[in-house]
Amino acid sequence: MLGVIRDSRPESDEELEDFSDMQDLDPQCMVGEDVSPEEALEILHQEAYRCMLREKEEEEREAQLEKEREAQLEKERKEREAQLEKEREAKLEEERKAQLKMR
């Protein structure tokens, strides 16, 4: 029910030290309450699951923001293209009128 938890191996020396320190801790000490080892482990699993959900929500928010940024950039690009097209058409119309006047 906890789902898949990403590989949590440390990446830096500092993380390695923190990770090593954590390996020595008893789940009961990590929870900081007077509970049975099974209860402490369950509390830690629940916290890990909540942490995983928070990370997932944050990733989803970031993905949504990225989509919104891309949509805004695309909208701006289309607006620029439309403006350039209007300017080209106006210039062509001016040139056509100028040629008609010369005749």
PDB file of N, CA and C in Angstrom:
ATOM      1  N   MET A   1       0.813  -1.189   0.000  1.00  0.00           N
ATOM      2  CA  MET A   1       0.000   0.000   0.000  1.00  0.00           C
ATOM      3  C   MET A   1       0.863   1.262   0.000  1.00  0.00           C
ATOM      4  N   LEU A   2       2.102   1.137   0.385  1.00  0.00           N
ATOM      5  CA  LEU A   2       2.965   2.304   0.423  1.00  0.00           C
ATOM      6  C   LEU A   2       3.403   2.730  -0.969  1.00  0.00           C
ATOM      7  N   GLY A   3       3.352   1.835  -1.938  1.00  0.00           N
ATOM      8  CA  GLY A   3       3.793   2.172  -3.276  1.00  0.00           C
ATOM      9  C   GLY A   3       5.300   2.067  -3.377  1.00  0.00           C
ATOM     10  N   VAL A   4       5.798   2.462  -4.516  1.00  0.00           N
ATOM     11  CA  VAL A   4       7.231   2.367  -4.756  1.00  0.00           C
ATOM     12  C   VAL A   4       7.900   3.625  -4.236  1.00  0.00           C
ATOM     13  N   ILE A   5       8.933   3.441  -3.463  1.00  0.00           N
ATOM     14  CA  ILE A   5       9.704   4.569  -2.949  1.00  0.00           C
ATOM     15  C   ILE A   5      11.020   4.588  -3.705  1.00  0.00           C
ATOM     16  N   ARG A   6      11.400   5.762  -4.179  1.00  0.00           N
ATOM     17  CA  ARG A   6      12.621   5.885  -4.961  1.00  0.00           C
ATOM     18  C   ARG A   6      13.839   5.444  -4.167  1.00  0.00           C
ATOM     19  N   ASP A   7      14.882   5.087  -4.916  1.00  0.00           N
ATOM     20  CA  ASP A   7      16.155   4.714  -4.321  1.00  0.00           C
ATOM     21  C   ASP A   7      16.647   5.895  -3.499  1.00  0.00           C
ATOM     22  N   SER A   8      16.936   5.650  -2.241  1.00  0.00           N
ATOM     23  CA  SER A   8      17.320   6.751  -1.357  1.00  0.00           C
ATOM     24  C   SER A   8      18.797   6.709  -1.003  1.00  0.00           C
ATOM     25  N   ARG A   9      19.584   6.053  -1.852  1.00  0.00           N
ATOM     26  CA  ARG A   9      21.014   6.023  -1.558  1.00  0.00           C
ATOM     27  C   ARG A   9      21.578   7.438  -1.613  1.00  0.00           C
ATOM     28  N   PRO A  10      22.482   7.755  -0.712  1.00  0.00           N
ATOM     29  CA  PRO A  10      23.034   9.110  -0.663  1.00  0.00           C
ATOM     30  C   PRO A  10      23.871   9.416  -1.898  1.00  0.00           C
ATOM     31  N   GLU A  11      23.845  10.681  -2.320  1.00  0.00           N
ATOM     32  CA  GLU A  11      24.592  11.093  -3.496  1.00  0.00           C
ATOM     33  C   GLU A  11      25.883  11.825  -3.138  1.00  0.00           C
ATOM     34  N   SER A  12      25.917  12.491  -2.016  1.00  0.00           N
ATOM     35  CA  SER A  12      27.107  13.243  -1.638  1.00  0.00           C
ATOM     36  C   SER A  12      27.677  12.679  -0.340  1.00  0.00           C
ATOM     37  N   ASP A  13      28.906  13.113  -0.017  1.00  0.00           N
ATOM     38  CA  ASP A  13      29.538  12.664   1.222  1.00  0.00           C
ATOM     39  C   ASP A  13      28.725  13.094   2.435  1.00  0.00           C
ATOM     40  N   GLU A  14      28.187  14.315   2.376  1.00  0.00           N
ATOM     41  CA  GLU A  14      27.391  14.818   3.498  1.00  0.00           C
ATOM     42  C   GLU A  14      26.141  13.961   3.683  1.00  0.00           C
ATOM     43  N   GLU A  15      25.484  13.644   2.563  1.00  0.00           N
ATOM     44  CA  GLU A  15      24.303  12.784   2.650  1.00  0.00           C
ATOM     45  C   GLU A  15      24.692  11.409   3.166  1.00  0.00           C
ATOM     46  N   LEU A  16      25.874  10.935   2.766  1.00  0.00           N
ATOM     47  CA  LEU A  16      26.330   9.620   3.213  1.00  0.00           C
ATOM     48  C   LEU A  16      26.476   9.601   4.729  1.00  0.00           C
ATOM     49  N   GLU A  17      27.025  10.681   5.293  1.00  0.00           N
ATOM     50  CA  GLU A  17      27.164  10.751   6.746  1.00  0.00           C
ATOM     51  C   GLU A  17      25.791  10.747   7.416  1.00  0.00           C
ATOM     52  N   ASP A  18      24.872  11.552   6.885  1.00  0.00           N
ATOM     53  CA  ASP A  18      23.513  11.585   7.436  1.00  0.00           C
ATOM     54  C   ASP A  18      22.852  10.222   7.316  1.00  0.00           C
ATOM     55  N   PHE A  19      23.041   9.581   6.171  1.00  0.00           N
ATOM     56  CA  PHE A  19      22.446   8.274   5.921  1.00  0.00           C
ATOM     57  C   PHE A  19      23.022   7.247   6.897  1.00  0.00           C
ATOM     58  N   SER A  20      24.334   7.295   7.097  1.00  0.00           N
ATOM     59  CA  SER A  20      24.975   6.364   8.029  1.00  0.00           C
ATOM     60  C   SER A  20      24.449   6.563   9.440  1.00  0.00           C
ATOM     61  N   ASP A  21      24.280   7.824   9.830  1.00  0.00           N
ATOM     62  CA  ASP A  21      23.740   8.106  11.162  1.00  0.00           C
ATOM     63  C   ASP A  21      22.342   7.526  11.305  1.00  0.00           C
ATOM     64  N   MET A  22      21.554   7.626  10.258  1.00  0.00           N
ATOM     65  CA  MET A  22      20.179   7.131  10.314  1.00  0.00           C
ATOM     66  C   MET A  22      20.142   5.610  10.440  1.00  0.00           C
ATOM     67  N   GLN A  23      21.114   4.942   9.839  1.00  0.00           N
ATOM     68  CA  GLN A  23      21.116   3.486   9.874  1.00  0.00           C
ATOM     69  C   GLN A  23      21.278   2.965  11.304  1.00  0.00           C
ATOM     70  N   ASP A  24      21.942   3.747  12.137  1.00  0.00           N
ATOM     71  CA  ASP A  24      22.181   3.325  13.512  1.00  0.00           C
ATOM     72  C   ASP A  24      20.976   3.559  14.416  1.00  0.00           C
ATOM     73  N   LEU A  25      20.030   4.351  13.965  1.00  0.00           N
ATOM     74  CA  LEU A  25      18.910   4.706  14.823  1.00  0.00           C
ATOM     75  C   LEU A  25      17.858   3.614  14.864  1.00  0.00           C
ATOM     76  N   ASP A  26      17.301   3.463  16.007  1.00  0.00           N
ATOM     77  CA  ASP A  26      16.183   2.553  16.221  1.00  0.00           C
ATOM     78  C   ASP A  26      14.916   3.295  15.809  1.00  0.00           C
ATOM     79  N   PRO A  27      13.971   2.633  15.111  1.00  0.00           N
ATOM     80  CA  PRO A  27      12.738   3.324  14.719  1.00  0.00           C
ATOM     81  C   PRO A  27      12.052   4.021  15.883  1.00  0.00           C
ATOM     82  N   GLN A  28      12.123   3.439  17.064  1.00  0.00           N
ATOM     83  CA  GLN A  28      11.491   4.066  18.228  1.00  0.00           C
ATOM     84  C   GLN A  28      12.161   5.395  18.557  1.00  0.00           C
ATOM     85  N   CYS A  29      13.489   5.442  18.421  1.00  0.00           N
ATOM     86  CA  CYS A  29      14.207   6.689  18.692  1.00  0.00           C
ATOM     87  C   CYS A  29      13.884   7.731  17.626  1.00  0.00           C
ATOM     88  N   MET A  30      13.731   7.283  16.380  1.00  0.00           N
ATOM     89  CA  MET A  30      13.449   8.209  15.283  1.00  0.00           C
ATOM     90  C   MET A  30      12.070   8.838  15.439  1.00  0.00           C
ATOM     91  N   VAL A  31      11.117   8.074  15.940  1.00  0.00           N
ATOM     92  CA  VAL A  31       9.767   8.581  16.137  1.00  0.00           C
ATOM     93  C   VAL A  31       9.731   9.493  17.349  1.00  0.00           C
ATOM     94  N   GLY A  32      10.533   9.170  18.339  1.00  0.00           N
ATOM     95  CA  GLY A  32      10.612  10.007  19.526  1.00  0.00           C
ATOM     96  C   GLY A  32       9.453   9.817  20.478  1.00  0.00           C
ATOM     97  N   GLU A  33       8.803   8.692  20.402  1.00  0.00           N
ATOM     98  CA  GLU A  33       7.680   8.419  21.285  1.00  0.00           C
ATOM     99  C   GLU A  33       7.892   7.061  21.944  1.00  0.00           C
ATOM    100  N   ASP A  34       7.186   6.854  23.008  1.00  0.00           N
ATOM    101  CA  ASP A  34       7.260   5.570  23.697  1.00  0.00           C
ATOM    102  C   ASP A  34       6.240   4.629  23.051  1.00  0.00           C
ATOM    103  N   VAL A  35       6.662   4.002  21.954  1.00  0.00           N
ATOM    104  CA  VAL A  35       5.788   3.089  21.218  1.00  0.00           C
ATOM    105  C   VAL A  35       6.541   1.797  20.946  1.00  0.00           C
ATOM    106  N   SER A  36       5.800   0.792  20.541  1.00  0.00           N
ATOM    107  CA  SER A  36       6.440  -0.483  20.214  1.00  0.00           C
ATOM    108  C   SER A  36       7.226  -0.326  18.914  1.00  0.00           C
ATOM    109  N   PRO A  37       8.197  -1.206  18.678  1.00  0.00           N
ATOM    110  CA  PRO A  37       8.962  -1.132  17.429  1.00  0.00           C
ATOM    111  C   PRO A  37       8.057  -1.221  16.197  1.00  0.00           C
ATOM    112  N   GLU A  38       7.026  -2.049  16.267  1.00  0.00           N
ATOM    113  CA  GLU A  38       6.108  -2.193  15.131  1.00  0.00           C
ATOM    114  C   GLU A  38       5.354  -0.888  14.879  1.00  0.00           C
ATOM    115  N   GLU A  39       4.892  -0.266  15.970  1.00  0.00           N
ATOM    116  CA  GLU A  39       4.178   1.005  15.830  1.00  0.00           C
ATOM    117  C   GLU A  39       5.113   2.093  15.298  1.00  0.00           C
ATOM    118  N   ALA A  40       6.344   2.093  15.797  1.00  0.00           N
ATOM    119  CA  ALA A  40       7.317   3.085  15.343  1.00  0.00           C
ATOM    120  C   ALA A  40       7.594   2.913  13.857  1.00  0.00           C
ATOM    121  N   LEU A  41       7.753   1.671  13.431  1.00  0.00           N
ATOM    122  CA  LEU A  41       8.003   1.402  12.024  1.00  0.00           C
ATOM    123  C   LEU A  41       6.811   1.827  11.170  1.00  0.00           C
ATOM    124  N   GLU A  42       5.610   1.553  11.648  1.00  0.00           N
ATOM    125  CA  GLU A  42       4.403   1.958  10.921  1.00  0.00           C
ATOM    126  C   GLU A  42       4.326   3.484  10.819  1.00  0.00           C
ATOM    127  N   ILE A  43       4.659   4.182  11.891  1.00  0.00           N
ATOM    128  CA  ILE A  43       4.662   5.651  11.870  1.00  0.00           C
ATOM    129  C   ILE A  43       5.673   6.160  10.845  1.00  0.00           C
ATOM    130  N   LEU A  44       6.845   5.546  10.821  1.00  0.00           N
ATOM    131  CA  LEU A  44       7.869   5.958   9.858  1.00  0.00           C
ATOM    132  C   LEU A  44       7.417   5.684   8.428  1.00  0.00           C
ATOM    133  N   HIS A  45       6.774   4.544   8.213  1.00  0.00           N
ATOM    134  CA  HIS A  45       6.257   4.225   6.874  1.00  0.00           C
ATOM    135  C   HIS A  45       5.196   5.237   6.457  1.00  0.00           C
ATOM    136  N   GLN A  46       4.333   5.608   7.387  1.00  0.00           N
ATOM    137  CA  GLN A  46       3.295   6.589   7.076  1.00  0.00           C
ATOM    138  C   GLN A  46       3.921   7.938   6.719  1.00  0.00           C
ATOM    139  N   GLU A  47       4.935   8.315   7.473  1.00  0.00           N
ATOM    140  CA  GLU A  47       5.611   9.586   7.194  1.00  0.00           C
ATOM    141  C   GLU A  47       6.312   9.536   5.835  1.00  0.00           C
ATOM    142  N   ALA A  48       6.937   8.401   5.531  1.00  0.00           N
ATOM    143  CA  ALA A  48       7.585   8.250   4.222  1.00  0.00           C
ATOM    144  C   ALA A  48       6.553   8.348   3.107  1.00  0.00           C
ATOM    145  N   TYR A  49       5.392   7.755   3.315  1.00  0.00           N
ATOM    146  CA  TYR A  49       4.323   7.806   2.315  1.00  0.00           C
ATOM    147  C   TYR A  49       3.828   9.242   2.133  1.00  0.00           C
ATOM    148  N   ARG A  50       3.628   9.955   3.251  1.00  0.00           N
ATOM    149  CA  ARG A  50       3.196  11.356   3.161  1.00  0.00           C
ATOM    150  C   ARG A  50       4.249  12.200   2.431  1.00  0.00           C
ATOM    151  N   CYS A  51       5.500  11.917   2.722  1.00  0.00           N
ATOM    152  CA  CYS A  51       6.592  12.643   2.068  1.00  0.00           C
ATOM    153  C   CYS A  51       6.571  12.364   0.564  1.00  0.00           C
ATOM    154  N   MET A  52       6.361  11.105   0.201  1.00  0.00           N
ATOM    155  CA  MET A  52       6.294  10.729  -1.204  1.00  0.00           C
ATOM    156  C   MET A  52       5.129  11.452  -1.885  1.00  0.00           C
ATOM    157  N   LEU A  53       3.980  11.529  -1.205  1.00  0.00           N
ATOM    158  CA  LEU A  53       2.821  12.230  -1.769  1.00  0.00           C
ATOM    159  C   LEU A  53       3.113  13.720  -1.950  1.00  0.00           C
ATOM    160  N   ARG A  54       3.785  14.330  -0.958  1.00  0.00           N
ATOM    161  CA  ARG A  54       4.137  15.752  -1.070  1.00  0.00           C
ATOM    162  C   ARG A  54       5.055  15.983  -2.269  1.00  0.00           C
ATOM    163  N   GLU A  55       6.048  15.096  -2.433  1.00  0.00           N
ATOM    164  CA  GLU A  55       6.962  15.226  -3.564  1.00  0.00           C
ATOM    165  C   GLU A  55       6.210  15.093  -4.880  1.00  0.00           C
ATOM    166  N   LYS A  56       5.297  14.139  -4.936  1.00  0.00           N
ATOM    167  CA  LYS A  56       4.513  13.932  -6.156  1.00  0.00           C
ATOM    168  C   LYS A  56       3.664  15.166  -6.454  1.00  0.00           C
ATOM    169  N   GLU A  57       3.019  15.721  -5.435  1.00  0.00           N
ATOM    170  CA  GLU A  57       2.212  16.927  -5.624  1.00  0.00           C
ATOM    171  C   GLU A  57       3.073  18.086  -6.115  1.00  0.00           C
ATOM    172  N   GLU A  58       4.268  18.218  -5.551  1.00  0.00           N
ATOM    173  CA  GLU A  58       5.165  19.291  -5.966  1.00  0.00           C
ATOM    174  C   GLU A  58       5.588  19.101  -7.420  1.00  0.00           C
ATOM    175  N   GLU A  59       5.899  17.858  -7.795  1.00  0.00           N
ATOM    176  CA  GLU A  59       6.268  17.576  -9.178  1.00  0.00           C
ATOM    177  C   GLU A  59       5.110  17.891 -10.117  1.00  0.00           C
ATOM    178  N   GLU A  60       3.891  17.559  -9.703  1.00  0.00           N
ATOM    179  CA  GLU A  60       2.717  17.848 -10.526  1.00  0.00           C
ATOM    180  C   GLU A  60       2.505  19.354 -10.664  1.00  0.00           C
ATOM    181  N   ARG A  61       2.704  20.097  -9.562  1.00  0.00           N
ATOM    182  CA  ARG A  61       2.577  21.563  -9.622  1.00  0.00           C
ATOM    183  C   ARG A  61       3.615  22.150 -10.577  1.00  0.00           C
ATOM    184  N   GLU A  62       4.858  21.655 -10.467  1.00  0.00           N
ATOM    185  CA  GLU A  62       5.917  22.144 -11.344  1.00  0.00           C
ATOM    186  C   GLU A  62       5.607  21.823 -12.801  1.00  0.00           C
ATOM    187  N   ALA A  63       5.090  20.619 -13.056  1.00  0.00           N
ATOM    188  CA  ALA A  63       4.728  20.239 -14.424  1.00  0.00           C
ATOM    189  C   ALA A  63       3.613  21.136 -14.948  1.00  0.00           C
ATOM    190  N   GLN A  64       2.639  21.434 -14.106  1.00  0.00           N
ATOM    191  CA  GLN A  64       1.535  22.315 -14.511  1.00  0.00           C
ATOM    192  C   GLN A  64       2.049  23.720 -14.811  1.00  0.00           C
ATOM    193  N   LEU A  65       2.939  24.226 -13.961  1.00  0.00           N
ATOM    194  CA  LEU A  65       3.516  25.551 -14.207  1.00  0.00           C
ATOM    195  C   LEU A  65       4.293  25.569 -15.521  1.00  0.00           C
ATOM    196  N   GLU A  66       5.028  24.503 -15.792  1.00  0.00           N
ATOM    197  CA  GLU A  66       5.788  24.409 -17.037  1.00  0.00           C
ATOM    198  C   GLU A  66       4.847  24.400 -18.241  1.00  0.00           C
ATOM    199  N   LYS A  67       3.741  23.664 -18.127  1.00  0.00           N
ATOM    200  CA  LYS A  67       2.754  23.644 -19.215  1.00  0.00           C
ATOM    201  C   LYS A  67       2.192  25.042 -19.445  1.00  0.00           C
ATOM    202  N   GLU A  68       1.886  25.735 -18.350  1.00  0.00           N
ATOM    203  CA  GLU A  68       1.344  27.088 -18.461  1.00  0.00           C
ATOM    204  C   GLU A  68       2.351  28.038 -19.096  1.00  0.00           C
ATOM    205  N   ARG A  69       3.635  27.909 -18.711  1.00  0.00           N
ATOM    206  CA  ARG A  69       4.677  28.752 -19.312  1.00  0.00           C
ATOM    207  C   ARG A  69       4.792  28.470 -20.809  1.00  0.00           C
ATOM    208  N   GLU A  70       4.784  27.180 -21.166  1.00  0.00           N
ATOM    209  CA  GLU A  70       4.882  26.817 -22.578  1.00  0.00           C
ATOM    210  C   GLU A  70       3.677  27.331 -23.359  1.00  0.00           C
ATOM    211  N   ALA A  71       2.493  27.225 -22.773  1.00  0.00           N
ATOM    212  CA  ALA A  71       1.285  27.717 -23.436  1.00  0.00           C
ATOM    213  C   ALA A  71       1.366  29.231 -23.631  1.00  0.00           C
ATOM    214  N   GLN A  72       1.855  29.942 -22.626  1.00  0.00           N
ATOM    215  CA  GLN A  72       1.999  31.395 -22.727  1.00  0.00           C
ATOM    216  C   GLN A  72       3.010  31.759 -23.811  1.00  0.00           C
ATOM    217  N   LEU A  73       4.134  31.041 -23.854  1.00  0.00           N
ATOM    218  CA  LEU A  73       5.136  31.311 -24.886  1.00  0.00           C
ATOM    219  C   LEU A  73       4.571  31.047 -26.278  1.00  0.00           C
ATOM    220  N   GLU A  74       3.818  29.971 -26.419  1.00  0.00           N
ATOM    221  CA  GLU A  74       3.200  29.641 -27.708  1.00  0.00           C
ATOM    222  C   GLU A  74       2.197  30.726 -28.112  1.00  0.00           C
ATOM    223  N   LYS A  75       1.415  31.188 -27.161  1.00  0.00           N
ATOM    224  CA  LYS A  75       0.446  32.258 -27.433  1.00  0.00           C
ATOM    225  C   LYS A  75       1.167  33.523 -27.901  1.00  0.00           C
ATOM    226  N   GLU A  76       2.247  33.883 -27.200  1.00  0.00           N
ATOM    227  CA  GLU A  76       3.014  35.070 -27.573  1.00  0.00           C
ATOM    228  C   GLU A  76       3.633  34.910 -28.957  1.00  0.00           C
ATOM    229  N   ARG A  77       4.127  33.706 -29.259  1.00  0.00           N
ATOM    230  CA  ARG A  77       4.722  33.446 -30.570  1.00  0.00           C
ATOM    231  C   ARG A  77       3.677  33.622 -31.670  1.00  0.00           C
ATOM    232  N   LYS A  78       2.488  33.062 -31.452  1.00  0.00           N
ATOM    233  CA  LYS A  78       1.420  33.186 -32.448  1.00  0.00           C
ATOM    234  C   LYS A  78       0.996  34.639 -32.623  1.00  0.00           C
ATOM    235  N   GLU A  79       0.934  35.387 -31.523  1.00  0.00           N
ATOM    236  CA  GLU A  79       0.585  36.805 -31.610  1.00  0.00           C
ATOM    237  C   GLU A  79       1.629  37.579 -32.410  1.00  0.00           C
ATOM    238  N   ARG A  80       2.919  37.271 -32.181  1.00  0.00           N
ATOM    239  CA  ARG A  80       3.991  37.935 -32.942  1.00  0.00           C
ATOM    240  C   ARG A  80       3.884  37.595 -34.428  1.00  0.00           C
ATOM    241  N   GLU A  81       3.631  36.300 -34.714  1.00  0.00           N
ATOM    242  CA  GLU A  81       3.491  35.888 -36.109  1.00  0.00           C
ATOM    243  C   GLU A  81       2.312  36.595 -36.768  1.00  0.00           C
ATOM    244  N   ALA A  82       1.200  36.700 -36.063  1.00  0.00           N
ATOM    245  CA  ALA A  82       0.023  37.379 -36.609  1.00  0.00           C
ATOM    246  C   ALA A  82       0.328  38.852 -36.858  1.00  0.00           C
ATOM    247  N   GLN A  83       1.030  39.480 -35.928  1.00  0.00           N
ATOM    248  CA  GLN A  83       1.391  40.893 -36.086  1.00  0.00           C
ATOM    249  C   GLN A  83       2.320  41.076 -37.282  1.00  0.00           C
ATOM    250  N   LEU A  84       3.308  40.191 -37.420  1.00  0.00           N
ATOM    251  CA  LEU A  84       4.222  40.282 -38.561  1.00  0.00           C
ATOM    252  C   LEU A  84       3.471  40.088 -39.875  1.00  0.00           C
ATOM    253  N   GLU A  85       2.540  39.164 -39.890  1.00  0.00           N
ATOM    254  CA  GLU A  85       1.745  38.919 -41.097  1.00  0.00           C
ATOM    255  C   GLU A  85       0.919  40.157 -41.451  1.00  0.00           C
ATOM    256  N   LYS A  86       0.317  40.796 -40.456  1.00  0.00           N
ATOM    257  CA  LYS A  86      -0.443  42.032 -40.703  1.00  0.00           C
ATOM    258  C   LYS A  86       0.465  43.114 -41.276  1.00  0.00           C
ATOM    259  N   GLU A  87       1.667  43.236 -40.698  1.00  0.00           N
ATOM    260  CA  GLU A  87       2.612  44.242 -41.181  1.00  0.00           C
ATOM    261  C   GLU A  87       3.026  43.955 -42.621  1.00  0.00           C
ATOM    262  N   ARG A  88       3.264  42.681 -42.947  1.00  0.00           N
ATOM    263  CA  ARG A  88       3.631  42.313 -44.321  1.00  0.00           C
ATOM    264  C   ARG A  88       2.491  42.643 -45.287  1.00  0.00           C
ATOM    265  N   GLU A  89       1.279  42.294 -44.886  1.00  0.00           N
ATOM    266  CA  GLU A  89       0.122  42.575 -45.735  1.00  0.00           C
ATOM    267  C   GLU A  89      -0.057  44.078 -45.938  1.00  0.00           C
ATOM    268  N   ALA A  90       0.133  44.852 -44.886  1.00  0.00           N
ATOM    269  CA  ALA A  90       0.004  46.309 -44.995  1.00  0.00           C
ATOM    270  C   ALA A  90       1.067  46.864 -45.940  1.00  0.00           C
ATOM    271  N   LYS A  91       2.285  46.342 -45.831  1.00  0.00           N
ATOM    272  CA  LYS A  91       3.369  46.803 -46.699  1.00  0.00           C
ATOM    273  C   LYS A  91       3.071  46.449 -48.156  1.00  0.00           C
ATOM    274  N   LEU A  92       2.598  45.235 -48.394  1.00  0.00           N
ATOM    275  CA  LEU A  92       2.245  44.830 -49.757  1.00  0.00           C
ATOM    276  C   LEU A  92       1.125  45.702 -50.315  1.00  0.00           C
ATOM    277  N   GLU A  93       0.156  46.012 -49.482  1.00  0.00           N
ATOM    278  CA  GLU A  93      -0.957  46.868 -49.906  1.00  0.00           C
ATOM    279  C   GLU A  93      -0.451  48.263 -50.266  1.00  0.00           C
ATOM    280  N   GLU A  94       0.479  48.800 -49.466  1.00  0.00           N
ATOM    281  CA  GLU A  94       1.060  50.114 -49.763  1.00  0.00           C
ATOM    282  C   GLU A  94       1.810  50.080 -51.088  1.00  0.00           C
ATOM    283  N   GLU A  95       2.585  49.014 -51.301  1.00  0.00           N
ATOM    284  CA  GLU A  95       3.338  48.883 -52.548  1.00  0.00           C
ATOM    285  C   GLU A  95       2.382  48.783 -53.740  1.00  0.00           C
ATOM    286  N   ARG A  96       1.305  48.042 -53.595  1.00  0.00           N
ATOM    287  CA  ARG A  96       0.322  47.888 -54.665  1.00  0.00           C
ATOM    288  C   ARG A  96      -0.315  49.242 -54.990  1.00  0.00           C
ATOM    289  N   LYS A  97      -0.678  49.987 -53.935  1.00  0.00           N
ATOM    290  CA  LYS A  97      -1.270  51.316 -54.145  1.00  0.00           C
ATOM    291  C   LYS A  97      -0.274  52.254 -54.826  1.00  0.00           C
ATOM    292  N   ALA A  98       0.996  52.177 -54.420  1.00  0.00           N
ATOM    293  CA  ALA A  98       2.032  53.025 -55.018  1.00  0.00           C
ATOM    294  C   ALA A  98       2.197  52.695 -56.497  1.00  0.00           C
ATOM    295  N   GLN A  99       2.151  51.417 -56.851  1.00  0.00           N
ATOM    296  CA  GLN A  99       2.279  51.018 -58.254  1.00  0.00           C
ATOM    297  C   GLN A  99       1.078  51.490 -59.068  1.00  0.00           C
ATOM    298  N   LEU A 100      -0.110  51.437 -58.465  1.00  0.00           N
ATOM    299  CA  LEU A 100      -1.301  51.904 -59.168  1.00  0.00           C
ATOM    300  C   LEU A 100      -1.226  53.407 -59.436  1.00  0.00           C
ATOM    301  N   LYS A 101      -0.654  54.173 -58.494  1.00  0.00           N
ATOM    302  CA  LYS A 101      -0.525  55.619 -58.669  1.00  0.00           C
ATOM    303  C   LYS A 101       0.448  55.952 -59.796  1.00  0.00           C
ATOM    304  N   MET A 102       1.477  55.122 -59.952  1.00  0.00           N
ATOM    305  CA  MET A 102       2.481  55.373 -60.985  1.00  0.00           C
ATOM    306  C   MET A 102       1.894  55.167 -62.377  1.00  0.00           C
ATOM    307  N   ARG A 103       0.907  54.358 -62.518  1.00  0.00           N
ATOM    308  CA  ARG A 103       0.333  54.065 -63.830  1.00  0.00           C
ATOM    309  C   ARG A 103      -0.505  55.159 -64.290  1.00  0.00           C
TER     310      ARG A 103
END
